[in-house]
Every structure is written in C-alpha cells, then in structure tokens.
C-alpha atoms as a PDB file:
ATOM      1  CA  UNK A   1      18.718  10.671  -5.559  1.00  0.00           C
ATOM      2  CA  UNK A   2      15.655  11.297  -7.704  1.00  0.00           C
ATOM      3  CA  UNK A   3      14.206   8.379  -9.587  1.00  0.00           C
ATOM      4  CA  UNK A   4      13.290   8.595 -13.227  1.00  0.00           C
ATOM      5  CA  UNK A   5      10.225   7.160 -14.925  1.00  0.00           C
ATOM      6  CA  UNK A   6      12.530   4.736 -16.711  1.00  0.00           C
ATOM      7  CA  UNK A   7      14.063   3.444 -13.460  1.00  0.00           C
ATOM      8  CA  UNK A   8      10.636   3.106 -11.783  1.00  0.00           C
ATOM      9  CA  UNK A   9       9.352   1.094 -14.739  1.00  0.00           C
ATOM     10  CA  UNK A  10      12.470  -1.086 -14.629  1.00  0.00           C
ATOM     11  CA  UNK A  11      11.846  -1.827 -10.925  1.00  0.00           C
ATOM     12  CA  UNK A  12       8.230  -2.715 -11.696  1.00  0.00           C
ATOM     13  CA  UNK A  13       9.256  -4.952 -14.589  1.00  0.00           C
ATOM     14  CA  UNK A  14      11.859  -6.690 -12.414  1.00  0.00           C
ATOM     15  CA  UNK A  15       9.224  -7.511  -9.767  1.00  0.00           C
ATOM     16  CA  UNK A  16       6.825  -8.810 -12.423  1.00  0.00           C
ATOM     17  CA  UNK A  17       9.581 -11.046 -13.806  1.00  0.00           C
ATOM     18  CA  UNK A  18      10.431 -12.219 -10.271  1.00  0.00           C
ATOM     19  CA  UNK A  19       6.813 -13.216  -9.604  1.00  0.00           C
ATOM     20  CA  UNK A  20       6.448 -14.941 -12.993  1.00  0.00           C
ATOM     21  CA  UNK A  21       9.666 -16.880 -12.364  1.00  0.00           C
ATOM     22  CA  UNK A  22       8.554 -17.820  -8.829  1.00  0.00           C
ATOM     23  CA  UNK A  23       5.239 -19.198 -10.140  1.00  0.00           C
ATOM     24  CA  UNK A  24       7.057 -21.268 -12.758  1.00  0.00           C
ATOM     25  CA  UNK A  25       9.606 -22.494 -10.200  1.00  0.00           C
ATOM     26  CA  UNK A  26       7.003 -23.456  -7.586  1.00  0.00           C
ATOM     27  CA  UNK A  27       4.713 -25.091 -10.167  1.00  0.00           C
ATOM     28  CA  UNK A  28       7.053 -26.840 -12.645  1.00  0.00           C
ATOM     29  CA  UNK A  29       4.135 -28.547 -14.451  1.00  0.00           C
ATOM     30  CA  UNK A  30       3.038 -25.176 -15.838  1.00  0.00           C
ATOM     31  CA  UNK A  31       4.495 -24.575 -19.309  1.00  0.00           C
ATOM     32  CA  UNK A  32       6.713 -21.477 -19.463  1.00  0.00           C
ATOM     33  CA  UNK A  33       4.542 -19.773 -22.082  1.00  0.00           C
ATOM     34  CA  UNK A  34       1.412 -20.091 -19.924  1.00  0.00           C
ATOM     35  CA  UNK A  35       2.563 -17.393 -17.475  1.00  0.00           C
ATOM     36  CA  UNK A  36       3.347 -14.070 -19.111  1.00  0.00           C
ATOM     37  CA  UNK A  37       4.273 -10.633 -17.847  1.00  0.00           C
ATOM     38  CA  UNK A  38       2.030  -7.823 -19.099  1.00  0.00           C
ATOM     39  CA  UNK A  39       3.487  -5.275 -21.469  1.00  0.00           C
ATOM     40  CA  UNK A  40       4.445  -2.091 -19.613  1.00  0.00           C
ATOM     41  CA  UNK A  41       1.568   0.368 -19.792  1.00  0.00           C
ATOM     42  CA  UNK A  42      -0.979  -2.327 -20.658  1.00  0.00           C
ATOM     43  CA  UNK A  43      -4.142  -2.072 -18.574  1.00  0.00           C
ATOM     44  CA  UNK A  44      -5.269  -5.060 -16.526  1.00  0.00           C
ATOM     45  CA  UNK A  45      -3.401  -7.649 -14.531  1.00  0.00           C
ATOM     46  CA  UNK A  46       0.409  -7.584 -14.347  1.00  0.00           C
ATOM     47  CA  UNK A  47       0.814 -11.339 -14.837  1.00  0.00           C
ATOM     48  CA  UNK A  48      -1.317 -13.163 -17.415  1.00  0.00           C
ATOM     49  CA  UNK A  49      -2.137 -16.758 -16.546  1.00  0.00           C
ATOM     50  CA  UNK A  50      -3.110 -19.175 -19.284  1.00  0.00           C
ATOM     51  CA  UNK A  51      -5.809 -21.795 -18.843  1.00  0.00           C
ATOM     52  CA  UNK A  52      -3.383 -24.515 -17.731  1.00  0.00           C
ATOM     53  CA  UNK A  53      -1.715 -22.178 -15.212  1.00  0.00           C
ATOM     54  CA  UNK A  54      -5.125 -21.246 -13.779  1.00  0.00           C
ATOM     55  CA  UNK A  55      -5.973 -24.926 -13.252  1.00  0.00           C
ATOM     56  CA  UNK A  56      -2.743 -25.590 -11.351  1.00  0.00           C
ATOM     57  CA  UNK A  57      -1.937 -22.242  -9.710  1.00  0.00           C
ATOM     58  CA  UNK A  58      -5.432 -20.802  -9.384  1.00  0.00           C
ATOM     59  CA  UNK A  59      -7.241 -17.932 -11.026  1.00  0.00           C
ATOM     60  CA  UNK A  60      -5.539 -14.873  -9.539  1.00  0.00           C
ATOM     61  CA  UNK A  61      -5.641 -11.278 -10.723  1.00  0.00           C
ATOM     62  CA  UNK A  62      -2.002 -10.427  -9.958  1.00  0.00           C
ATOM     63  CA  UNK A  63      -0.924  -6.844  -9.311  1.00  0.00           C
ATOM     64  CA  UNK A  64       2.769  -6.053  -8.673  1.00  0.00           C
ATOM     65  CA  UNK A  65       4.075  -2.878  -7.022  1.00  0.00           C
ATOM     66  CA  UNK A  66       7.768  -2.077  -6.538  1.00  0.00           C
ATOM     67  CA  UNK A  67       7.578   1.227  -4.661  1.00  0.00           C
ATOM     68  CA  UNK A  68       9.238   2.824  -1.673  1.00  0.00           C
ATOM     69  CA  UNK A  69       5.960   4.346  -0.512  1.00  0.00           C
ATOM     70  CA  UNK A  70       2.864   2.320  -1.330  1.00  0.00           C
ATOM     71  CA  UNK A  71      -0.782   3.304  -1.054  1.00  0.00           C
ATOM     72  CA  UNK A  72      -1.941  -0.180  -0.118  1.00  0.00           C
ATOM     73  CA  UNK A  73      -5.622   0.704  -0.417  1.00  0.00           C
ATOM     74  CA  UNK A  74      -5.187   2.127  -3.907  1.00  0.00           C
ATOM     75  CA  UNK A  75      -3.079  -0.844  -4.966  1.00  0.00           C
ATOM     76  CA  UNK A  76      -5.672  -3.342  -3.675  1.00  0.00           C
ATOM     77  CA  UNK A  77      -8.446  -1.386  -5.378  1.00  0.00           C
ATOM     78  CA  UNK A  78      -6.504  -1.708  -8.633  1.00  0.00           C
ATOM     79  CA  UNK A  79      -5.968  -5.457  -8.027  1.00  0.00           C
ATOM     80  CA  UNK A  80      -9.681  -5.924  -7.321  1.00  0.00           C
ATOM     81  CA  UNK A  81     -10.730  -3.960 -10.416  1.00  0.00           C
ATOM     82  CA  UNK A  82      -8.324  -5.872 -12.668  1.00  0.00           C
ATOM     83  CA  UNK A  83      -9.286  -9.169 -11.042  1.00  0.00           C
ATOM     84  CA  UNK A  84     -12.970  -8.540 -11.774  1.00  0.00           C
ATOM     85  CA  UNK A  85     -12.136  -8.027 -15.457  1.00  0.00           C
ATOM     86  CA  UNK A  86     -10.512 -11.477 -15.476  1.00  0.00           C
ATOM     87  CA  UNK A  87     -13.076 -13.059 -13.113  1.00  0.00           C
ATOM     88  CA  UNK A  88     -10.103 -13.700 -10.820  1.00  0.00           C
ATOM     89  CA  UNK A  89      -9.302 -13.276  -7.146  1.00  0.00           C
ATOM     90  CA  UNK A  90      -7.206 -10.170  -6.462  1.00  0.00           C
ATOM     91  CA  UNK A  91      -3.685 -10.527  -5.090  1.00  0.00           C
ATOM     92  CA  UNK A  92      -1.050  -7.855  -4.570  1.00  0.00           C
ATOM     93  CA  UNK A  93       2.695  -8.540  -4.550  1.00  0.00           C
ATOM     94  CA  UNK A  94       4.770  -5.616  -3.313  1.00  0.00           C
ATOM     95  CA  UNK A  95       8.291  -4.727  -2.296  1.00  0.00           C
ATOM     96  CA  UNK A  96      10.641  -1.820  -1.841  1.00  0.00           C
ATOM     97  CA  UNK A  97      14.407  -1.540  -2.151  1.00  0.00           C
ATOM     98  CA  UNK A  98      16.346  -3.996  -0.018  1.00  0.00           C
ATOM     99  CA  UNK A  99      13.219  -5.686   1.353  1.00  0.00           C
ATOM    100  CA  UNK A 100      11.550  -9.039   0.798  1.00  0.00           C
ATOM    101  CA  UNK A 101       8.465  -9.321  -1.374  1.00  0.00           C
ATOM    102  CA  UNK A 102       5.125  -9.466   0.428  1.00  0.00           C
ATOM    103  CA  UNK A 103       1.645 -10.589  -0.601  1.00  0.00           C
ATOM    104  CA  UNK A 104      -1.773  -9.136   0.264  1.00  0.00           C
ATOM    105  CA  UNK A 105      -4.975 -11.156  -0.110  1.00  0.00           C
ATOM    106  CA  UNK A 106      -8.567 -10.680   0.918  1.00  0.00           C
ATOM    107  CA  UNK A 107      -9.324 -12.422   4.220  1.00  0.00           C
ATOM    108  CA  UNK A 108     -11.668 -14.982   2.637  1.00  0.00           C
ATOM    109  CA  UNK A 109      -9.111 -15.880  -0.042  1.00  0.00           C
ATOM    110  CA  UNK A 110      -6.424 -16.374   2.601  1.00  0.00           C
ATOM    111  CA  UNK A 111      -8.602 -18.702   4.678  1.00  0.00           C
ATOM    112  CA  UNK A 112      -9.662 -20.627   1.582  1.00  0.00           C
ATOM    113  CA  UNK A 113      -5.977 -21.218   0.780  1.00  0.00           C
ATOM    114  CA  UNK A 114      -5.210 -22.348   4.305  1.00  0.00           C
ATOM    115  CA  UNK A 115      -8.292 -24.540   4.479  1.00  0.00           C
ATOM    116  CA  UNK A 116      -7.586 -26.309   1.193  1.00  0.00           C
ATOM    117  CA  UNK A 117      -3.818 -26.367   1.494  1.00  0.00           C
ATOM    118  CA  UNK A 118      -3.416 -24.542  -1.813  1.00  0.00           C
END
C-alpha cells in the first residue's frame, strides 16, 4: 500500500508528540508549555525546549524520524546541523511501524550521560 504525504506527516507528528510526552512524563518538574513540538514544515529541531526544560533535561537538538527505511547518516547530519543552530547536542529518535523507538547519540554525548548519570 502506497503511503501519502499526509500519512507520512501524521506518522512524523505522532512520533514528535510521543517524544514530547515522554520528556514531560520522565521529568514531571518541567512545565508542559516548556516542551513544544515544532510546526510541520518548520526548519530546525523537531522538539523545542524552553530554558527550564534545558536546565532539567539538557540542551538537546532533537530530530525525530518515523520511517520504514531510514538514512541514518543523513538523519544525524540533519540533527547535527539543527543542533548547531540551537547550540545543542544532536540526538535522533527514530522508529518504524510496529517497532520500538530508538535513540542515536554521538559517542562522547553517550559517555557523558553514563558518566554523570543523566
């Protein structure tokens, strides 16, 4: 079954909402309005973090991809480019139909998280 632009955008929006909701659930001290999903078609990060969210959650340039076939290198390049605009560390959340959501980080960011327990 062929997918339409509308259905692909809906899948992307659903993943963005899922990640926003997960951040708010895992970090209940963050006010709801401090984590916002980008408007579809807007350039830059997919999840906007306010100043309070950045203090608690960290300053991440979040890119979300809900695709059956993902060019991981292209997606990380986009996350890095958008992260630089925000002076944020790039992170990629991705999933496909009937699969869990995964996260990709740069090696140094991963070890910094593990080292600091954040």
